[in-house]
Amino acid sequence: MSNEVVDAQVSPTGQFDILTKYEIHKLTDESRGPLYQVFRNCALAVLNCGNYMDDGKELLERYADFDISVMPTERSVKLKVSNAPETAFVDGKMIRGIAEHLFAVLRDIIYVNSEITGDPRYDLVSAQGVTDAVFHILRNAGTFDRDRTPRLVVCWGGHSISREEYDYTKQVGYELALRHLDICTGCGPGAMKGPMKGATIGHAKQRDRHGQYLGISEPGIIAAEAPNPIVNQLVIMPDIEKRLEAFVRTGHGIIVFPGGAGTAEEILYLLGILLHEDNRQQPFPLIFTGPASAAEYFIRIDQFIASTLGETARSRYQIIIDDPKEVARQMAAGIQKVREHRKETGDAYYFNWQLKVSTEFQRPFAPTHKNMRDLALHKNQAPYLLAANLRRAFSGIVSGNVKDEGIRNVEKNGPYELCGDPALMHSMDTLLDSFVKQQRMKLPGTEYKPCYQICRD
């Protein structure tokens, strides 16, 4: 990885070409306000595109002298960066795609957050209020097209995957694009980049010049999953819960590739929502897939779901191994059912308003040692509530693995403790141990020291 740095001024792209005087002053005033550190960290992650690491703490320490500020101009603003990673530039000029992502950071971290947080229209305590906020952020980012038929496939999976698994995600993305389907991912490397890369070829063959490559991230995870250069629409949600809701509200189907704790968190989030009684009739195609070498991974995931959430949860997904064409066919067929359902019920094609997302899946979870230990990890509760608590447990592990704050928390206070029913904790321990053995917790070649320990009540 290069340690060379560059100073530069960057002109806006896209919707930032035209701003009102009020917006200009608001952006420049807020740029050094309370959100500045979040803004700086996300901007650094964007500029570090291509220099893969999965340790937010390491990135911030490596570029400790990096600085960014908003400069007003007569018609708009410019961004001034100092000591930025040299890899974001070609012959002294910032790569256009990276510049677009940089202004997306400005839009979402400074402008949208300040508008929503201080606006009484958004009740961030109620379920509807949170959903309205998610909608507003996505709309402000220009992700919606009311004339576009359902075609957006969300792809989840790990940033730490083998070359064979990565190539498989590209094949699936290619087959999806040949069927005129678009891609949405967490926007990072690995299983988040592969489907997009494959889709670019499929769209090109079909002369589909309007392919959507939507990347959705959040401040705590972006340093470990910096936006890959294929992303042509980047949205940074305020927290992991709003990020997950954005995926399920905008996507018309979801494909899960091999991953680690973060992928397990995503699976549990979606299954928890689909297990709610109000969503039983909601068509939502969900496919787990990977090459033949990943079969063991999905066996472990399937066993964990069966032992914790039961057969009803298992009925909400299908597992297809080593068959990209069949994955694409099944997803296209599933999305057709989604289209028919939305048309019959009058729901929007671009945002799933009818999906019930309860507050258990919306409340931001702070992975402190106390909160992790106090999680209700037992079966004496509705399956969707157990899924919500399991999702929080895996979210905490992700934080301890890759997020700057989580890493520092574990370094100071030791591993998180996860406690609950002995049988359930045994299932979790078995699953997590398989992730460690398969090197799915960190990038290959990186030694993994567990940020958690399992205890049994």
Protein backbone atom coordinates (compact mmCIF):
# COMPACT_ATOMS: atom_id res chain seq x y z
CA MET A 1 0.00 0.00 0.00
CA SER A 2 1.30 3.44 -0.95
CA ASN A 3 1.86 5.96 1.84
CA GLU A 4 2.29 8.91 -0.55
CA VAL A 5 -0.09 11.83 0.08
CA VAL A 6 -1.53 14.65 -2.04
CA ASP A 7 -3.09 18.09 -1.39
CA ALA A 8 -5.89 19.17 -3.73
CA GLN A 9 -9.07 21.15 -4.26
CA VAL A 10 -11.99 19.24 -5.77
CA SER A 11 -14.92 20.74 -7.66
CA PRO A 12 -18.40 19.23 -7.19
CA THR A 13 -20.03 16.67 -9.43
CA GLY A 14 -23.67 15.76 -10.06
CA GLN A 15 -26.34 17.48 -7.96
CA PHE A 16 -23.77 19.63 -6.18
CA ASP A 17 -23.26 21.71 -9.30
CA ILE A 18 -26.14 24.00 -8.24
CA LEU A 19 -26.74 25.06 -4.63
CA THR A 20 -28.61 27.93 -2.99
CA LYS A 21 -26.75 30.48 -0.87
CA TYR A 22 -28.44 29.01 2.21
CA GLU A 23 -27.22 25.50 1.35
CA ILE A 24 -23.69 26.74 0.72
CA HIS A 25 -23.54 28.53 4.07
CA LYS A 26 -25.09 25.56 5.87
CA LEU A 27 -22.56 23.15 4.41
CA THR A 28 -19.59 25.36 5.24
CA ASP A 29 -20.89 26.08 8.75
CA GLU A 30 -21.58 22.40 9.47
CA SER A 31 -18.33 21.14 7.94
CA ARG A 32 -16.40 21.85 11.15
CA GLY A 33 -19.29 21.13 13.48
CA PRO A 34 -20.07 18.09 15.64
CA LEU A 35 -20.23 15.77 12.64
CA TYR A 36 -16.82 16.76 11.33
CA GLN A 37 -14.94 13.72 12.62
CA VAL A 38 -17.48 11.36 11.05
CA PHE A 39 -17.29 13.37 7.80
CA ARG A 40 -13.48 13.24 7.83
CA ASN A 41 -13.30 9.50 8.53
CA CYS A 42 -15.78 8.62 5.77
CA ALA A 43 -14.02 10.90 3.29
CA LEU A 44 -10.67 9.26 4.08
CA ALA A 45 -12.17 5.81 3.50
CA VAL A 46 -13.47 6.92 0.08
CA LEU A 47 -10.05 8.31 -0.87
CA ASN A 48 -8.43 5.04 0.23
CA CYS A 49 -10.36 3.11 -2.44
CA GLY A 50 -8.31 0.16 -3.71
CA ASN A 51 -5.98 0.03 -0.70
CA TYR A 52 -7.79 -2.85 0.96
CA MET A 53 -7.61 -3.22 4.70
CA ASP A 54 -10.32 -4.22 7.15
CA ASP A 55 -9.19 -2.29 10.21
CA GLY A 56 -10.73 1.16 10.63
CA LYS A 57 -8.31 1.98 13.45
CA GLU A 58 -5.29 1.22 11.23
CA LEU A 59 -6.59 3.45 8.42
CA LEU A 60 -7.12 6.44 10.73
CA GLU A 61 -3.69 6.01 12.31
CA ARG A 62 -1.93 5.64 8.95
CA TYR A 63 -3.35 8.94 7.68
CA ALA A 64 -3.48 10.81 10.98
CA ASP A 65 -2.57 14.10 9.22
CA PHE A 66 -5.39 13.88 6.67
CA ASP A 67 -7.72 16.88 6.64
CA ILE A 68 -10.76 17.94 4.62
CA SER A 69 -12.79 21.15 4.60
CA VAL A 70 -15.62 22.74 2.63
CA MET A 71 -14.79 25.96 0.77
CA PRO A 72 -17.63 28.24 -0.44
CA THR A 73 -17.64 29.52 -4.02
CA GLU A 74 -20.04 31.88 -5.79
CA ARG A 75 -22.24 29.10 -7.18
CA SER A 76 -21.38 26.07 -5.10
CA VAL A 77 -18.61 24.66 -2.90
CA LYS A 78 -15.26 22.95 -3.27
CA LEU A 79 -13.60 20.38 -1.07
CA LYS A 80 -10.06 21.03 0.07
CA VAL A 81 -8.14 17.86 1.02
CA SER A 82 -4.72 17.72 2.62
CA ASN A 83 -2.46 14.67 3.01
CA ALA A 84 -4.93 12.48 1.07
CA PRO A 85 -3.93 8.98 -0.19
CA GLU A 86 -2.04 9.37 -3.47
CA THR A 87 -3.90 6.41 -5.03
CA ALA A 88 -7.04 8.57 -5.37
CA PHE A 89 -5.29 10.66 -8.03
CA VAL A 90 -3.97 10.24 -11.55
CA ASP A 91 -1.30 12.74 -12.58
CA GLY A 92 -2.39 15.03 -9.76
CA LYS A 93 -6.11 14.92 -10.64
CA MET A 94 -8.64 13.09 -8.48
CA ILE A 95 -10.28 10.12 -10.19
CA ARG A 96 -13.81 11.18 -11.19
CA GLY A 97 -15.59 8.24 -9.57
CA ILE A 98 -13.80 8.90 -6.29
CA ALA A 99 -14.73 12.60 -6.50
CA GLU A 100 -18.38 11.60 -6.95
CA HIS A 101 -18.18 9.38 -3.89
CA LEU A 102 -16.51 12.17 -1.92
CA PHE A 103 -19.40 14.54 -2.59
CA ALA A 104 -21.83 11.77 -1.68
CA VAL A 105 -20.12 11.74 1.73
CA LEU A 106 -20.66 15.50 1.99
CA ARG A 107 -24.31 15.14 1.00
CA ASP A 108 -25.14 12.33 3.43
CA ILE A 109 -22.97 13.03 6.45
CA ILE A 110 -23.30 16.80 6.68
CA TYR A 111 -26.41 17.91 4.85
CA VAL A 112 -28.86 15.03 5.26
CA ASN A 113 -27.90 14.25 8.84
CA SER A 114 -28.27 17.88 9.93
CA GLU A 115 -31.61 18.18 8.14
CA ILE A 116 -33.11 15.01 9.60
CA THR A 117 -31.75 15.26 13.13
CA GLY A 118 -33.09 18.75 13.63
CA ASP A 119 -36.37 18.33 11.75
CA PRO A 120 -39.48 17.58 13.84
CA ARG A 121 -41.05 15.86 10.84
CA TYR A 122 -38.85 12.84 11.53
CA ASP A 123 -39.79 10.97 14.68
CA LEU A 124 -36.76 8.74 14.99
CA VAL A 125 -38.38 6.83 17.85
CA SER A 126 -41.40 5.50 15.94
CA ALA A 127 -41.16 2.81 13.25
CA GLN A 128 -42.83 5.02 10.64
CA GLY A 129 -40.61 7.97 11.50
CA VAL A 130 -37.45 5.94 10.96
CA THR A 131 -38.78 4.56 7.67
CA ASP A 132 -39.61 8.09 6.51
CA ALA A 133 -36.03 9.14 7.33
CA VAL A 134 -34.62 6.21 5.35
CA PHE A 135 -36.83 7.16 2.41
CA HIS A 136 -35.76 10.81 2.58
CA ILE A 137 -32.04 9.96 2.58
CA LEU A 138 -32.41 7.61 -0.40
CA ARG A 139 -34.55 10.11 -2.32
CA ASN A 140 -32.10 12.93 -1.62
CA ALA A 141 -29.33 10.72 -3.02
CA GLY A 142 -31.27 10.32 -6.29
CA THR A 143 -31.58 6.53 -6.05
CA PHE A 144 -35.28 6.36 -7.01
CA ASP A 145 -36.66 6.11 -10.54
CA ARG A 146 -40.44 5.85 -10.54
CA ASP A 147 -40.47 4.65 -14.17
CA ARG A 148 -38.09 1.73 -13.53
CA THR A 149 -39.67 -1.70 -13.12
CA PRO A 150 -38.47 -3.91 -10.24
CA ARG A 151 -34.96 -5.10 -11.10
CA LEU A 152 -32.68 -4.33 -8.15
CA VAL A 153 -30.94 -7.34 -6.58
CA VAL A 154 -29.21 -6.80 -3.24
CA CYS A 155 -26.07 -8.92 -2.91
CA TRP A 156 -24.69 -9.61 0.55
CA GLY A 157 -21.47 -11.43 1.41
CA GLY A 158 -18.06 -11.00 2.96
CA HIS A 159 -15.16 -8.75 2.09
CA SER A 160 -12.87 -11.59 3.21
CA ILE A 161 -13.51 -14.32 0.62
CA SER A 162 -11.33 -16.61 -1.50
CA ARG A 163 -10.49 -15.92 -5.13
CA GLU A 164 -12.75 -18.80 -6.20
CA GLU A 165 -15.67 -17.33 -4.26
CA TYR A 166 -14.97 -13.87 -5.66
CA ASP A 167 -14.95 -15.18 -9.24
CA TYR A 168 -18.24 -16.95 -8.53
CA THR A 169 -19.87 -13.68 -7.40
CA LYS A 170 -18.78 -12.15 -10.72
CA GLN A 171 -20.41 -15.00 -12.64
CA VAL A 172 -23.68 -14.50 -10.77
CA GLY A 173 -23.57 -10.74 -11.38
CA TYR A 174 -22.99 -11.40 -15.08
CA GLU A 175 -25.99 -13.73 -15.31
CA LEU A 176 -28.19 -11.26 -13.44
CA ALA A 177 -27.25 -8.42 -15.79
CA LEU A 178 -27.97 -10.56 -18.85
CA ARG A 179 -31.53 -10.69 -17.49
CA HIS A 180 -31.56 -6.88 -17.13
CA LEU A 181 -31.22 -6.89 -13.35
CA ASP A 182 -29.27 -4.30 -11.36
CA ILE A 183 -26.97 -4.70 -8.35
CA CYS A 184 -26.96 -3.22 -4.87
CA THR A 185 -24.29 -4.15 -2.29
CA GLY A 186 -22.56 -2.84 0.82
CA CYS A 187 -20.23 -1.25 -1.77
CA GLY A 188 -16.92 -2.66 -0.49
CA PRO A 189 -14.52 -5.33 -1.84
CA GLY A 190 -15.02 -9.10 -2.10
CA ALA A 191 -18.65 -10.21 -2.46
CA MET A 192 -19.70 -6.57 -2.61
CA LYS A 193 -17.55 -5.82 -5.65
CA GLY A 194 -17.69 -9.09 -7.59
CA PRO A 195 -21.40 -9.00 -8.58
CA MET A 196 -21.03 -5.43 -9.78
CA LYS A 197 -17.94 -6.26 -11.80
CA GLY A 198 -19.65 -9.20 -13.49
CA ALA A 199 -22.77 -7.15 -14.12
CA THR A 200 -20.83 -4.50 -16.04
CA ILE A 201 -20.06 -7.10 -18.72
CA GLY A 202 -23.61 -8.46 -18.79
CA HIS A 203 -25.09 -4.99 -19.11
CA ALA A 204 -22.58 -4.12 -21.83
CA LYS A 205 -23.52 -7.22 -23.83
CA GLN A 206 -27.19 -6.32 -23.56
CA ARG A 207 -26.39 -2.69 -24.46
CA ASP A 208 -28.04 -1.73 -21.19
CA ARG A 209 -26.49 1.68 -20.57
CA HIS A 210 -28.54 2.46 -17.49
CA GLY A 211 -27.27 -0.21 -15.13
CA GLN A 212 -27.59 0.74 -11.47
CA TYR A 213 -24.72 -0.14 -9.12
CA LEU A 214 -25.98 1.08 -5.78
CA GLY A 215 -23.70 1.00 -2.75
CA ILE A 216 -25.12 1.52 0.75
CA SER A 217 -22.76 1.97 3.69
CA GLU A 218 -22.63 3.61 7.14
CA PRO A 219 -19.93 5.58 8.96
CA GLY A 220 -18.71 2.84 11.29
CA ILE A 221 -18.14 0.22 8.59
CA ILE A 222 -17.00 2.29 5.60
CA ALA A 223 -13.30 2.23 6.55
CA ALA A 224 -13.34 -1.57 6.36
CA GLU A 225 -15.51 -1.61 3.23
CA ALA A 226 -14.45 1.48 1.28
CA PRO A 227 -16.66 2.02 -1.81
CA ASN A 228 -15.41 0.09 -4.80
CA PRO A 229 -14.98 2.10 -8.03
CA ILE A 230 -17.90 0.43 -9.85
CA VAL A 231 -20.49 1.97 -7.50
CA ASN A 232 -22.30 4.69 -9.49
CA GLN A 233 -24.66 5.65 -6.65
CA LEU A 234 -23.30 5.82 -3.11
CA VAL A 235 -25.46 6.38 -0.05
CA ILE A 236 -24.14 6.58 3.52
CA MET A 237 -26.85 5.94 6.09
CA PRO A 238 -26.47 7.29 9.65
CA ASP A 239 -26.19 3.84 11.30
CA ILE A 240 -26.18 0.11 10.59
CA GLU A 241 -29.91 -0.30 11.30
CA LYS A 242 -30.94 2.32 8.74
CA ARG A 243 -28.45 0.82 6.31
CA LEU A 244 -30.11 -2.59 6.65
CA GLU A 245 -33.58 -1.11 6.28
CA ALA A 246 -32.45 0.73 3.14
CA PHE A 247 -31.36 -2.61 1.64
CA VAL A 248 -34.70 -4.34 2.24
CA ARG A 249 -36.84 -1.34 1.28
CA THR A 250 -35.10 -0.71 -2.06
CA GLY A 251 -34.17 -4.27 -3.09
CA HIS A 252 -36.58 -6.54 -4.92
CA GLY A 253 -34.68 -9.69 -3.98
CA ILE A 254 -31.54 -10.65 -2.08
CA ILE A 255 -28.67 -13.00 -2.86
CA VAL A 256 -26.32 -14.03 -0.06
CA PHE A 257 -22.77 -15.12 -0.88
CA PRO A 258 -20.30 -16.56 1.65
CA GLY A 259 -19.21 -14.16 4.34
CA GLY A 260 -18.58 -13.89 8.05
CA ALA A 261 -20.19 -12.23 11.05
CA GLY A 262 -21.46 -9.26 9.01
CA THR A 263 -23.20 -11.54 6.53
CA ALA A 264 -24.77 -13.52 9.38
CA GLU A 265 -26.02 -10.23 10.81
CA GLU A 266 -27.66 -9.35 7.50
CA ILE A 267 -29.28 -12.78 7.17
CA LEU A 268 -30.71 -12.59 10.70
CA TYR A 269 -32.01 -9.08 10.08
CA LEU A 270 -33.93 -10.09 6.98
CA LEU A 271 -35.22 -13.38 8.37
CA GLY A 272 -36.38 -11.59 11.51
CA ILE A 273 -38.42 -9.20 9.39
CA LEU A 274 -39.85 -11.95 7.18
CA LEU A 275 -40.84 -13.97 10.28
CA HIS A 276 -43.13 -11.17 11.48
CA GLU A 277 -46.78 -12.13 11.01
CA ASP A 278 -47.49 -9.01 8.92
CA ASN A 279 -44.90 -10.08 6.33
CA ARG A 280 -45.90 -13.72 5.89
CA GLN A 281 -47.54 -13.05 2.50
CA GLN A 282 -44.86 -10.65 1.28
CA PRO A 283 -42.99 -12.09 -1.75
CA PHE A 284 -39.27 -11.58 -1.19
CA PRO A 285 -36.89 -13.90 -3.09
CA LEU A 286 -33.89 -14.86 -0.98
CA ILE A 287 -31.14 -17.14 -2.28
CA PHE A 288 -27.97 -18.38 -0.57
CA THR A 289 -25.30 -19.34 -3.10
CA GLY A 290 -21.61 -19.95 -3.67
CA PRO A 291 -19.22 -22.28 -5.51
CA ALA A 292 -18.93 -25.96 -4.54
CA SER A 293 -16.14 -25.08 -2.10
CA ALA A 294 -18.58 -22.90 -0.14
CA ALA A 295 -21.11 -25.68 0.46
CA GLU A 296 -19.83 -26.23 4.01
CA TYR A 297 -20.36 -22.56 4.81
CA PHE A 298 -24.03 -22.70 3.90
CA ILE A 299 -24.51 -26.02 5.68
CA ARG A 300 -23.32 -24.30 8.87
CA ILE A 301 -25.57 -21.27 8.29
CA ASP A 302 -28.56 -23.50 7.54
CA GLN A 303 -27.97 -25.59 10.66
CA PHE A 304 -27.68 -22.48 12.80
CA ILE A 305 -30.94 -21.04 11.47
CA ALA A 306 -32.74 -24.37 11.96
CA SER A 307 -31.51 -24.72 15.57
CA THR A 308 -32.33 -21.14 16.55
CA LEU A 309 -35.22 -19.81 14.42
CA GLY A 310 -36.80 -23.05 13.23
CA GLU A 311 -38.27 -24.48 10.05
CA THR A 312 -40.45 -21.47 9.24
CA ALA A 313 -37.31 -19.37 8.85
CA ARG A 314 -35.72 -22.03 6.63
CA SER A 315 -38.76 -21.93 4.33
CA ARG A 316 -38.03 -18.28 3.45
CA TYR A 317 -34.86 -19.01 1.47
CA GLN A 318 -33.38 -21.49 -0.99
CA ILE A 319 -29.79 -22.68 -1.27
CA ILE A 320 -28.30 -23.07 -4.74
CA ILE A 321 -24.70 -24.25 -4.95
CA ASP A 322 -22.38 -23.77 -7.93
CA ASP A 323 -25.02 -22.76 -10.51
CA PRO A 324 -24.94 -19.04 -11.40
CA LYS A 325 -27.47 -19.39 -14.21
CA GLU A 326 -30.03 -21.07 -11.98
CA VAL A 327 -29.50 -18.41 -9.32
CA ALA A 328 -30.24 -15.70 -11.89
CA ARG A 329 -33.26 -17.56 -13.28
CA GLN A 330 -34.76 -18.08 -9.84
CA MET A 331 -34.12 -14.48 -8.86
CA ALA A 332 -35.67 -13.14 -12.09
CA ALA A 333 -38.74 -15.32 -11.51
CA GLY A 334 -38.97 -14.18 -7.89
CA ILE A 335 -38.73 -10.51 -8.85
CA GLN A 336 -41.53 -11.02 -11.38
CA LYS A 337 -43.74 -12.12 -8.47
CA VAL A 338 -42.66 -9.02 -6.56
CA ARG A 339 -43.67 -6.87 -9.53
CA GLU A 340 -47.08 -8.53 -9.75
CA HIS A 341 -47.63 -8.12 -6.01
CA ARG A 342 -46.64 -4.44 -6.04
CA LYS A 343 -48.91 -3.81 -9.03
CA GLU A 344 -51.87 -5.56 -7.39
CA THR A 345 -51.45 -3.77 -4.07
CA GLY A 346 -50.49 -0.37 -5.48
CA ASP A 347 -47.13 -0.27 -3.68
CA ALA A 348 -44.23 1.67 -5.20
CA TYR A 349 -41.78 -0.25 -7.36
CA TYR A 350 -38.80 1.69 -5.98
CA PHE A 351 -39.51 1.49 -2.21
CA ASN A 352 -41.24 -1.30 -0.30
CA TRP A 353 -43.62 0.65 1.95
CA GLN A 354 -45.71 -2.41 2.82
CA LEU A 355 -42.90 -4.34 4.50
CA LYS A 356 -43.34 -4.29 8.27
CA VAL A 357 -40.09 -3.34 10.01
CA SER A 358 -40.65 -3.16 13.76
CA THR A 359 -38.68 -0.91 16.08
CA GLU A 360 -36.64 -3.91 17.36
CA PHE A 361 -34.86 -3.82 14.01
CA GLN A 362 -34.59 -0.02 13.84
CA ARG A 363 -33.19 1.04 17.19
CA PRO A 364 -29.43 1.68 16.93
CA PHE A 365 -27.53 -0.87 18.99
CA ALA A 366 -24.42 0.31 20.81
CA PRO A 367 -22.12 -2.73 21.29
CA THR A 368 -20.85 -1.90 24.76
CA HIS A 369 -19.72 -4.76 26.95
CA LYS A 370 -22.83 -4.41 29.12
CA ASN A 371 -25.22 -4.30 26.16
CA MET A 372 -23.62 -7.36 24.60
CA ARG A 373 -23.78 -9.35 27.82
CA ASP A 374 -27.40 -8.31 28.48
CA LEU A 375 -28.74 -9.51 25.11
CA ALA A 376 -31.75 -11.85 25.43
CA LEU A 377 -30.27 -14.91 23.72
CA HIS A 378 -32.91 -17.51 24.54
CA LYS A 379 -35.88 -19.17 22.83
CA ASN A 380 -38.51 -17.99 25.29
CA GLN A 381 -39.58 -15.22 22.89
CA ALA A 382 -41.12 -14.84 19.44
CA PRO A 383 -38.73 -16.03 16.70
CA TYR A 384 -38.57 -12.59 15.10
CA LEU A 385 -37.48 -11.08 18.44
CA LEU A 386 -34.81 -13.76 18.88
CA ALA A 387 -33.59 -12.95 15.36
CA ALA A 388 -33.37 -9.27 16.37
CA ASN A 389 -31.22 -10.10 19.40
CA LEU A 390 -29.01 -12.51 17.47
CA ARG A 391 -28.57 -9.80 14.86
CA ARG A 392 -27.35 -7.42 17.58
CA ALA A 393 -24.85 -10.02 18.82
CA PHE A 394 -23.31 -10.42 15.38
CA SER A 395 -23.35 -6.64 14.88
CA GLY A 396 -21.23 -6.31 18.03
CA ILE A 397 -18.76 -8.89 16.73
CA VAL A 398 -18.47 -6.94 13.46
CA SER A 399 -17.75 -3.81 15.48
CA GLY A 400 -15.06 -5.54 17.51
CA ASN A 401 -13.52 -6.99 14.35
CA VAL A 402 -13.28 -3.97 12.04
CA LYS A 403 -14.71 -0.72 13.42
CA ASP A 404 -12.36 1.80 14.99
CA GLU A 405 -14.53 2.37 18.07
CA GLY A 406 -15.21 -1.34 18.57
CA ILE A 407 -11.55 -2.33 18.22
CA ARG A 408 -10.50 0.28 20.78
CA ASN A 409 -13.31 -0.83 23.12
CA VAL A 410 -12.13 -4.46 23.03
CA GLU A 411 -8.49 -3.45 23.44
CA LYS A 412 -9.42 -1.51 26.57
CA ASN A 413 -11.99 -3.83 28.19
CA GLY A 414 -11.27 -7.27 26.74
CA PRO A 415 -13.54 -9.48 24.61
CA TYR A 416 -17.31 -9.07 24.59
CA GLU A 417 -19.17 -11.74 26.57
CA LEU A 418 -22.18 -13.41 24.93
CA CYS A 419 -24.40 -15.37 27.31
CA GLY A 420 -27.66 -17.28 26.91
CA ASP A 421 -29.33 -20.69 26.64
CA PRO A 422 -26.63 -23.39 26.57
CA ALA A 423 -27.96 -25.04 23.41
CA LEU A 424 -28.32 -21.74 21.58
CA MET A 425 -24.87 -20.54 22.65
CA HIS A 426 -23.39 -23.87 21.51
CA SER A 427 -24.92 -23.28 18.06
CA MET A 428 -23.49 -19.76 17.94
CA ASP A 429 -20.07 -20.94 19.11
CA THR A 430 -20.04 -23.64 16.43
CA LEU A 431 -20.95 -21.15 13.71
CA LEU A 432 -18.41 -18.54 14.79
CA ASP A 433 -15.69 -21.17 15.12
CA SER A 434 -16.37 -22.27 11.54
CA PHE A 435 -15.98 -18.63 10.40
CA VAL A 436 -12.60 -18.41 12.15
CA LYS A 437 -11.37 -21.72 10.68
CA GLN A 438 -12.47 -20.65 7.20
CA GLN A 439 -10.67 -17.28 7.62
CA ARG A 440 -13.88 -15.31 7.24
CA MET A 441 -13.36 -12.91 10.14
CA LYS A 442 -10.45 -10.95 8.67
CA LEU A 443 -8.74 -10.55 5.31
CA PRO A 444 -6.74 -13.68 4.33
CA GLY A 445 -3.27 -13.74 5.83
CA THR A 446 -4.33 -11.59 8.79
CA GLU A 447 -4.15 -13.20 12.22
CA TYR A 448 -7.53 -13.18 13.96
CA LYS A 449 -7.85 -12.63 17.68
CA PRO A 450 -11.50 -13.16 18.76
CA CYS A 451 -13.22 -10.04 20.07
CA TYR A 452 -15.83 -12.17 21.86
CA GLN A 453 -16.15 -15.10 24.21
CA ILE A 454 -19.14 -17.43 24.57
CA CYS A 455 -20.51 -18.21 28.01
CA ARG A 456 -23.49 -20.38 28.92
CA ASP A 457 -26.00 -19.45 31.64
